Each structure stands twice: as C-alpha cells, then as structure tokens.
Amino acid sequence: RASTVLPAERRNIELKTADGLTLVGEFAAPLDGEPKATL
C-alpha cells in the first residue's frame, strides 16, 4: 500500500554544492548486493 515500507539499507546523507551549500537527503539501497541501477 501507499505507506508500506519494504526492507532496504537507508541512511540520511548530505550533499555539498560547488557554491558551499549543504543539501539534505536520504539514500535507500538494496540489502542484498550492489544496486542494479540508481535513481
């Protein structure tokens, strides 16, 4: 359903821009092996 969360390796991340800003985000990856693709 819309609110169903399936297992993954999830972590908060920060991105640094070339003009010195910090952007906040999250990265979710498969638990088993390397990602086949990244969005």
PDB file of all heavy atoms in Angstrom:
ATOM      1  N   ARG A   1       0.831  -1.197   0.000  1.00  0.00           N
ATOM      2  CA  ARG A   1       0.000   0.000   0.000  1.00  0.00           C
ATOM      3  C   ARG A   1       0.876   1.261   0.000  1.00  0.00           C
ATOM      4  O   ARG A   1       2.100   1.171   0.038  1.00  0.00           O
ATOM      5  CB  ARG A   1      -0.936  -0.017   1.205  1.00  0.00           C
ATOM      6  CG  ARG A   1      -1.823  -1.272   1.260  1.00  0.00           C
ATOM      7  CD  ARG A   1      -2.826  -1.211   2.391  1.00  0.00           C
ATOM      8  NE  ARG A   1      -3.614  -2.434   2.491  1.00  0.00           N
ATOM      9  CZ  ARG A   1      -4.675  -2.707   1.746  1.00  0.00           C
ATOM     10  NH1 ARG A   1      -5.069  -1.834   0.828  1.00  0.00           N
ATOM     11  NH2 ARG A   1      -5.351  -3.841   1.903  1.00  0.00           N
ATOM     12  N   ALA A   2       0.236   2.400  -0.020  1.00  0.00           N
ATOM     13  CA  ALA A   2       0.971   3.664  -0.124  1.00  0.00           C
ATOM     14  C   ALA A   2       1.978   3.834   0.993  1.00  0.00           C
ATOM     15  O   ALA A   2       3.068   4.383   0.785  1.00  0.00           O
ATOM     16  CB  ALA A   2      -0.007   4.832  -0.132  1.00  0.00           C
ATOM     17  N   SER A   3       1.654   3.359   2.194  1.00  0.00           N
ATOM     18  CA  SER A   3       2.525   3.572   3.350  1.00  0.00           C
ATOM     19  C   SER A   3       3.408   2.371   3.674  1.00  0.00           C
ATOM     20  O   SER A   3       4.112   2.382   4.681  1.00  0.00           O
ATOM     21  CB  SER A   3       1.682   3.929   4.579  1.00  0.00           C
ATOM     22  OG  SER A   3       0.750   2.899   4.858  1.00  0.00           O
ATOM     23  N   THR A   4       3.391   1.343   2.830  1.00  0.00           N
ATOM     24  CA  THR A   4       4.194   0.145   3.093  1.00  0.00           C
ATOM     25  C   THR A   4       5.662   0.428   2.821  1.00  0.00           C
ATOM     26  O   THR A   4       6.030   0.888   1.733  1.00  0.00           O
ATOM     27  CB  THR A   4       3.732  -1.030   2.218  1.00  0.00           C
ATOM     28  OG1 THR A   4       2.343  -1.284   2.459  1.00  0.00           O
ATOM     29  CG2 THR A   4       4.536  -2.289   2.538  1.00  0.00           C
ATOM     30  N   VAL A   5       6.499   0.141   3.797  1.00  0.00           N
ATOM     31  CA  VAL A   5       7.942   0.324   3.668  1.00  0.00           C
ATOM     32  C   VAL A   5       8.597  -1.051   3.665  1.00  0.00           C
ATOM     33  O   VAL A   5       8.453  -1.818   4.620  1.00  0.00           O
ATOM     34  CB  VAL A   5       8.513   1.157   4.838  1.00  0.00           C
ATOM     35  CG1 VAL A   5      10.001   1.434   4.617  1.00  0.00           C
ATOM     36  CG2 VAL A   5       7.741   2.457   5.006  1.00  0.00           C
ATOM     37  N   LEU A   6       9.304  -1.366   2.613  1.00  0.00           N
ATOM     38  CA  LEU A   6       9.976  -2.658   2.495  1.00  0.00           C
ATOM     39  C   LEU A   6      11.444  -2.519   2.917  1.00  0.00           C
ATOM     40  O   LEU A   6      11.999  -1.413   2.910  1.00  0.00           O
ATOM     41  CB  LEU A   6       9.866  -3.167   1.057  1.00  0.00           C
ATOM     42  CG  LEU A   6       8.425  -3.321   0.531  1.00  0.00           C
ATOM     43  CD1 LEU A   6       8.442  -3.860  -0.889  1.00  0.00           C
ATOM     44  CD2 LEU A   6       7.592  -4.209   1.443  1.00  0.00           C
ATOM     45  N   PRO A   7      12.086  -3.616   3.277  1.00  0.00           N
ATOM     46  CA  PRO A   7      13.459  -3.541   3.794  1.00  0.00           C
ATOM     47  C   PRO A   7      14.442  -2.942   2.781  1.00  0.00           C
ATOM     48  O   PRO A   7      14.365  -3.211   1.578  1.00  0.00           O
ATOM     49  CB  PRO A   7      13.801  -5.005   4.102  1.00  0.00           C
ATOM     50  CG  PRO A   7      12.478  -5.669   4.304  1.00  0.00           C
ATOM     51  CD  PRO A   7      11.543  -4.988   3.345  1.00  0.00           C
ATOM     52  N   ALA A   8      15.355  -2.168   3.284  1.00  0.00           N
ATOM     53  CA  ALA A   8      16.430  -1.573   2.485  1.00  0.00           C
ATOM     54  C   ALA A   8      17.491  -1.057   3.440  1.00  0.00           C
ATOM     55  O   ALA A   8      17.261  -0.925   4.642  1.00  0.00           O
ATOM     56  CB  ALA A   8      15.909  -0.434   1.611  1.00  0.00           C
ATOM     57  N   GLU A   9      18.647  -0.765   2.882  1.00  0.00           N
ATOM     58  CA  GLU A   9      19.672  -0.049   3.645  1.00  0.00           C
ATOM     59  C   GLU A   9      19.410   1.436   3.450  1.00  0.00           C
ATOM     60  O   GLU A   9      19.626   1.976   2.358  1.00  0.00           O
ATOM     61  CB  GLU A   9      21.066  -0.410   3.145  1.00  0.00           C
ATOM     62  CG  GLU A   9      22.173   0.332   3.868  1.00  0.00           C
ATOM     63  CD  GLU A   9      23.534   0.159   3.223  1.00  0.00           C
ATOM     64  OE1 GLU A   9      23.691  -0.756   2.391  1.00  0.00           O
ATOM     65  OE2 GLU A   9      24.434   0.965   3.527  1.00  0.00           O
ATOM     66  N   ARG A  10      18.936   2.100   4.497  1.00  0.00           N
ATOM     67  CA  ARG A  10      18.566   3.502   4.397  1.00  0.00           C
ATOM     68  C   ARG A  10      19.462   4.345   5.281  1.00  0.00           C
ATOM     69  O   ARG A  10      19.718   3.991   6.423  1.00  0.00           O
ATOM     70  CB  ARG A  10      17.103   3.714   4.805  1.00  0.00           C
ATOM     71  CG  ARG A  10      16.112   3.060   3.878  1.00  0.00           C
ATOM     72  CD  ARG A  10      14.668   3.366   4.251  1.00  0.00           C
ATOM     73  NE  ARG A  10      13.788   2.897   3.200  1.00  0.00           N
ATOM     74  CZ  ARG A  10      13.305   1.644   3.129  1.00  0.00           C
ATOM     75  NH1 ARG A  10      13.607   0.773   4.084  1.00  0.00           N
ATOM     76  NH2 ARG A  10      12.547   1.282   2.129  1.00  0.00           N
ATOM     77  N   ARG A  11      19.898   5.472   4.750  1.00  0.00           N
ATOM     78  CA  ARG A  11      20.713   6.380   5.564  1.00  0.00           C
ATOM     79  C   ARG A  11      20.498   7.812   5.115  1.00  0.00           C
ATOM     80  O   ARG A  11      20.302   8.085   3.921  1.00  0.00           O
ATOM     81  CB  ARG A  11      22.186   6.023   5.508  1.00  0.00           C
ATOM     82  CG  ARG A  11      22.796   5.967   4.124  1.00  0.00           C
ATOM     83  CD  ARG A  11      24.197   5.389   4.186  1.00  0.00           C
ATOM     84  NE  ARG A  11      24.725   5.017   2.895  1.00  0.00           N
ATOM     85  CZ  ARG A  11      25.724   5.628   2.285  1.00  0.00           C
ATOM     86  NH1 ARG A  11      26.315   6.660   2.870  1.00  0.00           N
ATOM     87  NH2 ARG A  11      26.157   5.216   1.115  1.00  0.00           N
ATOM     88  N   ASN A  12      20.516   8.697   6.091  1.00  0.00           N
ATOM     89  CA  ASN A  12      20.481  10.115   5.779  1.00  0.00           C
ATOM     90  C   ASN A  12      21.828  10.536   5.197  1.00  0.00           C
ATOM     91  O   ASN A  12      22.878  10.053   5.636  1.00  0.00           O
ATOM     92  CB  ASN A  12      20.179  10.929   7.029  1.00  0.00           C
ATOM     93  CG  ASN A  12      18.726  10.811   7.459  1.00  0.00           C
ATOM     94  OD1 ASN A  12      17.849  10.534   6.636  1.00  0.00           O
ATOM     95  ND2 ASN A  12      18.463  11.022   8.739  1.00  0.00           N
ATOM     96  N   ILE A  13      21.779  11.410   4.214  1.00  0.00           N
ATOM     97  CA  ILE A  13      23.007  11.872   3.572  1.00  0.00           C
ATOM     98  C   ILE A  13      22.986  13.396   3.479  1.00  0.00           C
ATOM     99  O   ILE A  13      21.943  14.041   3.647  1.00  0.00           O
ATOM    100  CB  ILE A  13      23.177  11.282   2.152  1.00  0.00           C
ATOM    101  CG1 ILE A  13      22.025  11.736   1.237  1.00  0.00           C
ATOM    102  CG2 ILE A  13      23.265   9.770   2.211  1.00  0.00           C
ATOM    103  CD1 ILE A  13      22.238  11.387  -0.224  1.00  0.00           C
ATOM    104  N   GLU A  14      24.156  13.964   3.219  1.00  0.00           N
ATOM    105  CA  GLU A  14      24.291  15.385   2.935  1.00  0.00           C
ATOM    106  C   GLU A  14      25.084  15.551   1.643  1.00  0.00           C
ATOM    107  O   GLU A  14      26.078  14.844   1.414  1.00  0.00           O
ATOM    108  CB  GLU A  14      25.011  16.102   4.078  1.00  0.00           C
ATOM    109  CG  GLU A  14      24.206  16.152   5.365  1.00  0.00           C
ATOM    110  CD  GLU A  14      24.895  16.961   6.457  1.00  0.00           C
ATOM    111  OE1 GLU A  14      26.103  17.251   6.318  1.00  0.00           O
ATOM    112  OE2 GLU A  14      24.214  17.312   7.442  1.00  0.00           O
ATOM    113  N   LEU A  15      24.626  16.460   0.823  1.00  0.00           N
ATOM    114  CA  LEU A  15      25.297  16.779  -0.432  1.00  0.00           C
ATOM    115  C   LEU A  15      25.928  18.156  -0.308  1.00  0.00           C
ATOM    116  O   LEU A  15      25.326  19.069   0.264  1.00  0.00           O
ATOM    117  CB  LEU A  15      24.302  16.771  -1.594  1.00  0.00           C
ATOM    118  CG  LEU A  15      23.373  15.564  -1.721  1.00  0.00           C
ATOM    119  CD1 LEU A  15      22.398  15.768  -2.878  1.00  0.00           C
ATOM    120  CD2 LEU A  15      24.185  14.288  -1.940  1.00  0.00           C
ATOM    121  N   LYS A  16      27.108  18.313  -0.863  1.00  0.00           N
ATOM    122  CA  LYS A  16      27.801  19.600  -0.830  1.00  0.00           C
ATOM    123  C   LYS A  16      27.838  20.185  -2.232  1.00  0.00           C
ATOM    124  O   LYS A  16      28.329  19.555  -3.174  1.00  0.00           O
ATOM    125  CB  LYS A  16      29.231  19.420  -0.300  1.00  0.00           C
ATOM    126  CG  LYS A  16      29.309  18.807   1.093  1.00  0.00           C
ATOM    127  CD  LYS A  16      28.719  19.710   2.163  1.00  0.00           C
ATOM    128  CE  LYS A  16      28.900  19.118   3.549  1.00  0.00           C
ATOM    129  NZ  LYS A  16      28.315  19.982   4.607  1.00  0.00           N
ATOM    130  N   THR A  17      27.314  21.397  -2.371  1.00  0.00           N
ATOM    131  CA  THR A  17      27.289  22.029  -3.682  1.00  0.00           C
ATOM    132  C   THR A  17      28.571  22.823  -3.922  1.00  0.00           C
ATOM    133  O   THR A  17      29.291  23.185  -2.986  1.00  0.00           O
ATOM    134  CB  THR A  17      26.086  22.972  -3.814  1.00  0.00           C
ATOM    135  OG1 THR A  17      26.258  24.075  -2.917  1.00  0.00           O
ATOM    136  CG2 THR A  17      24.788  22.252  -3.486  1.00  0.00           C
ATOM    137  N   ALA A  18      28.817  23.140  -5.186  1.00  0.00           N
ATOM    138  CA  ALA A  18      30.027  23.878  -5.540  1.00  0.00           C
ATOM    139  C   ALA A  18      30.025  25.289  -4.966  1.00  0.00           C
ATOM    140  O   ALA A  18      31.095  25.897  -4.840  1.00  0.00           O
ATOM    141  CB  ALA A  18      30.175  23.927  -7.070  1.00  0.00           C
ATOM    142  N   ASP A  19      28.858  25.822  -4.616  1.00  0.00           N
ATOM    143  CA  ASP A  19      28.821  27.160  -4.001  1.00  0.00           C
ATOM    144  C   ASP A  19      28.708  27.080  -2.482  1.00  0.00           C
ATOM    145  O   ASP A  19      28.320  28.050  -1.827  1.00  0.00           O
ATOM    146  CB  ASP A  19      27.706  28.017  -4.600  1.00  0.00           C
ATOM    147  CG  ASP A  19      26.314  27.412  -4.438  1.00  0.00           C
ATOM    148  OD1 ASP A  19      26.214  26.212  -4.111  1.00  0.00           O
ATOM    149  OD2 ASP A  19      25.325  28.137  -4.641  1.00  0.00           O
ATOM    150  N   GLY A  20      29.036  25.913  -1.911  1.00  0.00           N
ATOM    151  CA  GLY A  20      29.214  25.820  -0.470  1.00  0.00           C
ATOM    152  C   GLY A  20      27.981  25.509   0.358  1.00  0.00           C
ATOM    153  O   GLY A  20      28.019  25.617   1.583  1.00  0.00           O
ATOM    154  N   LEU A  21      26.891  25.094  -0.267  1.00  0.00           N
ATOM    155  CA  LEU A  21      25.687  24.770   0.487  1.00  0.00           C
ATOM    156  C   LEU A  21      25.655  23.287   0.869  1.00  0.00           C
ATOM    157  O   LEU A  21      26.242  22.438   0.185  1.00  0.00           O
ATOM    158  CB  LEU A  21      24.438  25.092  -0.335  1.00  0.00           C
ATOM    159  CG  LEU A  21      24.241  26.547  -0.762  1.00  0.00           C
ATOM    160  CD1 LEU A  21      22.931  26.685  -1.522  1.00  0.00           C
ATOM    161  CD2 LEU A  21      24.277  27.480   0.436  1.00  0.00           C
ATOM    162  N   THR A  22      24.940  22.992   1.945  1.00  0.00           N
ATOM    163  CA  THR A  22      24.682  21.617   2.348  1.00  0.00           C
ATOM    164  C   THR A  22      23.221  21.300   2.066  1.00  0.00           C
ATOM    165  O   THR A  22      22.315  22.005   2.541  1.00  0.00           O
ATOM    166  CB  THR A  22      24.970  21.407   3.844  1.00  0.00           C
ATOM    167  OG1 THR A  22      26.357  21.657   4.086  1.00  0.00           O
ATOM    168  CG2 THR A  22      24.627  19.989   4.272  1.00  0.00           C
ATOM    169  N   LEU A  23      22.988  20.260   1.281  1.00  0.00           N
ATOM    170  CA  LEU A  23      21.636  19.800   0.961  1.00  0.00           C
ATOM    171  C   LEU A  23      21.392  18.489   1.693  1.00  0.00           C
ATOM    172  O   LEU A  23      22.278  17.639   1.753  1.00  0.00           O
ATOM    173  CB  LEU A  23      21.481  19.576  -0.549  1.00  0.00           C
ATOM    174  CG  LEU A  23      21.984  20.686  -1.483  1.00  0.00           C
ATOM    175  CD1 LEU A  23      21.781  20.278  -2.939  1.00  0.00           C
ATOM    176  CD2 LEU A  23      21.287  22.007  -1.186  1.00  0.00           C
ATOM    177  N   VAL A  24      20.192  18.329   2.246  1.00  0.00           N
ATOM    178  CA  VAL A  24      19.887  17.118   2.996  1.00  0.00           C
ATOM    179  C   VAL A  24      19.119  16.132   2.129  1.00  0.00           C
ATOM    180  O   VAL A  24      18.339  16.516   1.245  1.00  0.00           O
ATOM    181  CB  VAL A  24      19.088  17.433   4.274  1.00  0.00           C
ATOM    182  CG1 VAL A  24      19.877  18.358   5.189  1.00  0.00           C
ATOM    183  CG2 VAL A  24      17.721  18.038   3.950  1.00  0.00           C
ATOM    184  N   GLY A  25      19.345  14.837   2.385  1.00  0.00           N
ATOM    185  CA  GLY A  25      18.673  13.818   1.605  1.00  0.00           C
ATOM    186  C   GLY A  25      18.714  12.471   2.278  1.00  0.00           C
ATOM    187  O   GLY A  25      19.145  12.332   3.430  1.00  0.00           O
ATOM    188  N   GLU A  26      18.253  11.474   1.547  1.00  0.00           N
ATOM    189  CA  GLU A  26      18.263  10.092   2.016  1.00  0.00           C
ATOM    190  C   GLU A  26      18.649   9.189   0.857  1.00  0.00           C
ATOM    191  O   GLU A  26      18.268   9.444  -0.296  1.00  0.00           O
ATOM    192  CB  GLU A  26      16.889   9.672   2.538  1.00  0.00           C
ATOM    193  CG  GLU A  26      16.864   8.249   3.094  1.00  0.00           C
ATOM    194  CD  GLU A  26      15.475   7.626   3.105  1.00  0.00           C
ATOM    195  OE1 GLU A  26      14.801   7.801   4.119  1.00  0.00           O
ATOM    196  OE2 GLU A  26      15.081   6.987   2.109  1.00  0.00           O
ATOM    197  N   PHE A  27      19.385   8.131   1.171  1.00  0.00           N
ATOM    198  CA  PHE A  27      19.762   7.130   0.174  1.00  0.00           C
ATOM    199  C   PHE A  27      19.244   5.784   0.633  1.00  0.00           C
ATOM    200  O   PHE A  27      19.509   5.360   1.763  1.00  0.00           O
ATOM    201  CB  PHE A  27      21.281   7.094   0.005  1.00  0.00           C
ATOM    202  CG  PHE A  27      21.757   6.125  -1.041  1.00  0.00           C
ATOM    203  CD1 PHE A  27      21.466   6.330  -2.376  1.00  0.00           C
ATOM    204  CD2 PHE A  27      22.490   5.000  -0.679  1.00  0.00           C
ATOM    205  CE1 PHE A  27      21.911   5.436  -3.347  1.00  0.00           C
ATOM    206  CE2 PHE A  27      22.940   4.113  -1.636  1.00  0.00           C
ATOM    207  CZ  PHE A  27      22.645   4.332  -2.978  1.00  0.00           C
ATOM    208  N   ALA A  28      18.483   5.122  -0.232  1.00  0.00           N
ATOM    209  CA  ALA A  28      17.940   3.800   0.067  1.00  0.00           C
ATOM    210  C   ALA A  28      18.477   2.816  -0.965  1.00  0.00           C
ATOM    211  O   ALA A  28      18.339   3.038  -2.172  1.00  0.00           O
ATOM    212  CB  ALA A  28      16.416   3.822   0.025  1.00  0.00           C
ATOM    213  N   ALA A  29      19.100   1.733  -0.494  1.00  0.00           N
ATOM    214  CA  ALA A  29      19.743   0.770  -1.379  1.00  0.00           C
ATOM    215  C   ALA A  29      19.307  -0.645  -1.019  1.00  0.00           C
ATOM    216  O   ALA A  29      18.864  -0.909   0.106  1.00  0.00           O
ATOM    217  CB  ALA A  29      21.268   0.891  -1.278  1.00  0.00           C
ATOM    218  N   PRO A  30      19.429  -1.587  -1.947  1.00  0.00           N
ATOM    219  CA  PRO A  30      19.075  -2.972  -1.651  1.00  0.00           C
ATOM    220  C   PRO A  30      19.928  -3.537  -0.512  1.00  0.00           C
ATOM    221  O   PRO A  30      21.106  -3.190  -0.371  1.00  0.00           O
ATOM    222  CB  PRO A  30      19.364  -3.710  -2.962  1.00  0.00           C
ATOM    223  CG  PRO A  30      19.433  -2.658  -4.002  1.00  0.00           C
ATOM    224  CD  PRO A  30      19.902  -1.411  -3.336  1.00  0.00           C
ATOM    225  N   LEU A  31      19.333  -4.418   0.270  1.00  0.00           N
ATOM    226  CA  LEU A  31      20.083  -5.072   1.340  1.00  0.00           C
ATOM    227  C   LEU A  31      21.041  -6.122   0.810  1.00  0.00           C
ATOM    228  O   LEU A  31      22.081  -6.377   1.419  1.00  0.00           O
ATOM    229  CB  LEU A  31      19.110  -5.733   2.326  1.00  0.00           C
ATOM    230  CG  LEU A  31      18.302  -4.806   3.233  1.00  0.00           C
ATOM    231  CD1 LEU A  31      17.312  -5.622   4.050  1.00  0.00           C
ATOM    232  CD2 LEU A  31      19.220  -4.009   4.146  1.00  0.00           C
ATOM    233  N   ASP A  32      20.691  -6.731  -0.314  1.00  0.00           N
ATOM    234  CA  ASP A  32      21.475  -7.858  -0.818  1.00  0.00           C
ATOM    235  C   ASP A  32      22.209  -7.491  -2.115  1.00  0.00           C
ATOM    236  O   ASP A  32      21.635  -7.515  -3.189  1.00  0.00           O
ATOM    237  CB  ASP A  32      20.571  -9.067  -1.062  1.00  0.00           C
ATOM    238  CG  ASP A  32      19.360  -8.711  -1.910  1.00  0.00           C
ATOM    239  OD1 ASP A  32      19.079  -7.512  -2.075  1.00  0.00           O
ATOM    240  OD2 ASP A  32      18.704  -9.633  -2.429  1.00  0.00           O
ATOM    241  N   GLY A  33      23.456  -7.108  -1.991  1.00  0.00           N
ATOM    242  CA  GLY A  33      24.278  -6.851  -3.161  1.00  0.00           C
ATOM    243  C   GLY A  33      24.232  -5.418  -3.649  1.00  0.00           C
ATOM    244  O   GLY A  33      23.510  -4.567  -3.123  1.00  0.00           O
ATOM    245  N   GLU A  34      25.035  -5.161  -4.672  1.00  0.00           N
ATOM    246  CA  GLU A  34      25.131  -3.831  -5.243  1.00  0.00           C
ATOM    247  C   GLU A  34      23.852  -3.477  -6.002  1.00  0.00           C
ATOM    248  O   GLU A  34      23.204  -4.350  -6.588  1.00  0.00           O
ATOM    249  CB  GLU A  34      26.323  -3.751  -6.203  1.00  0.00           C
ATOM    250  CG  GLU A  34      27.670  -3.938  -5.544  1.00  0.00           C
ATOM    251  CD  GLU A  34      27.964  -2.825  -4.551  1.00  0.00           C
ATOM    252  OE1 GLU A  34      27.711  -1.651  -4.888  1.00  0.00           O
ATOM    253  OE2 GLU A  34      28.425  -3.134  -3.440  1.00  0.00           O
ATOM    254  N   PRO A  35      23.461  -2.205  -6.003  1.00  0.00           N
ATOM    255  CA  PRO A  35      22.276  -1.805  -6.770  1.00  0.00           C
ATOM    256  C   PRO A  35      22.470  -2.086  -8.265  1.00  0.00           C
ATOM    257  O   PRO A  35      23.554  -1.898  -8.810  1.00  0.00           O
ATOM    258  CB  PRO A  35      22.180  -0.304  -6.514  1.00  0.00           C
ATOM    259  CG  PRO A  35      22.953  -0.060  -5.261  1.00  0.00           C
ATOM    260  CD  PRO A  35      24.052  -1.078  -5.253  1.00  0.00           C
ATOM    261  N   LYS A  36      21.397  -2.533  -8.891  1.00  0.00           N
ATOM    262  CA  LYS A  36      21.426  -2.754 -10.335  1.00  0.00           C
ATOM    263  C   LYS A  36      21.312  -1.442 -11.099  1.00  0.00           C
ATOM    264  O   LYS A  36      21.687  -1.358 -12.273  1.00  0.00           O
ATOM    265  CB  LYS A  36      20.286  -3.687 -10.736  1.00  0.00           C
ATOM    266  CG  LYS A  36      20.357  -5.067 -10.095  1.00  0.00           C
ATOM    267  CD  LYS A  36      19.122  -5.885 -10.441  1.00  0.00           C
ATOM    268  CE  LYS A  36      19.136  -7.227  -9.743  1.00  0.00           C
ATOM    269  NZ  LYS A  36      17.889  -8.002 -10.003  1.00  0.00           N
ATOM    270  N   ALA A  37      20.754  -0.449 -10.449  1.00  0.00           N
ATOM    271  CA  ALA A  37      20.613   0.897 -11.020  1.00  0.00           C
ATOM    272  C   ALA A  37      20.412   1.863  -9.860  1.00  0.00           C
ATOM    273  O   ALA A  37      20.059   1.453  -8.752  1.00  0.00           O
ATOM    274  CB  ALA A  37      19.432   0.976 -11.984  1.00  0.00           C
ATOM    275  N   THR A  38      20.657   3.139 -10.130  1.00  0.00           N
ATOM    276  CA  THR A  38      20.460   4.173  -9.108  1.00  0.00           C
ATOM    277  C   THR A  38      19.644   5.309  -9.716  1.00  0.00           C
ATOM    278  O   THR A  38      19.967   5.802 -10.805  1.00  0.00           O
ATOM    279  CB  THR A  38      21.800   4.721  -8.598  1.00  0.00           C
ATOM    280  OG1 THR A  38      22.508   3.663  -7.942  1.00  0.00           O
ATOM    281  CG2 THR A  38      21.586   5.859  -7.616  1.00  0.00           C
ATOM    282  N   LEU A  39      18.600   5.714  -9.011  1.00  0.00           N
ATOM    283  CA  LEU A  39      17.789   6.851  -9.424  1.00  0.00           C
ATOM    284  C   LEU A  39      18.193   8.081  -8.623  1.00  0.00           C
ATOM    285  O   LEU A  39      18.183   8.053  -7.392  1.00  0.00           O
ATOM    286  CB  LEU A  39      16.309   6.574  -9.182  1.00  0.00           C
ATOM    287  CG  LEU A  39      15.729   5.263  -9.717  1.00  0.00           C
ATOM    288  CD1 LEU A  39      14.229   5.200  -9.423  1.00  0.00           C
ATOM    289  CD2 LEU A  39      16.002   5.094 -11.203  1.00  0.00           C
TER     290      LEU A  39
END
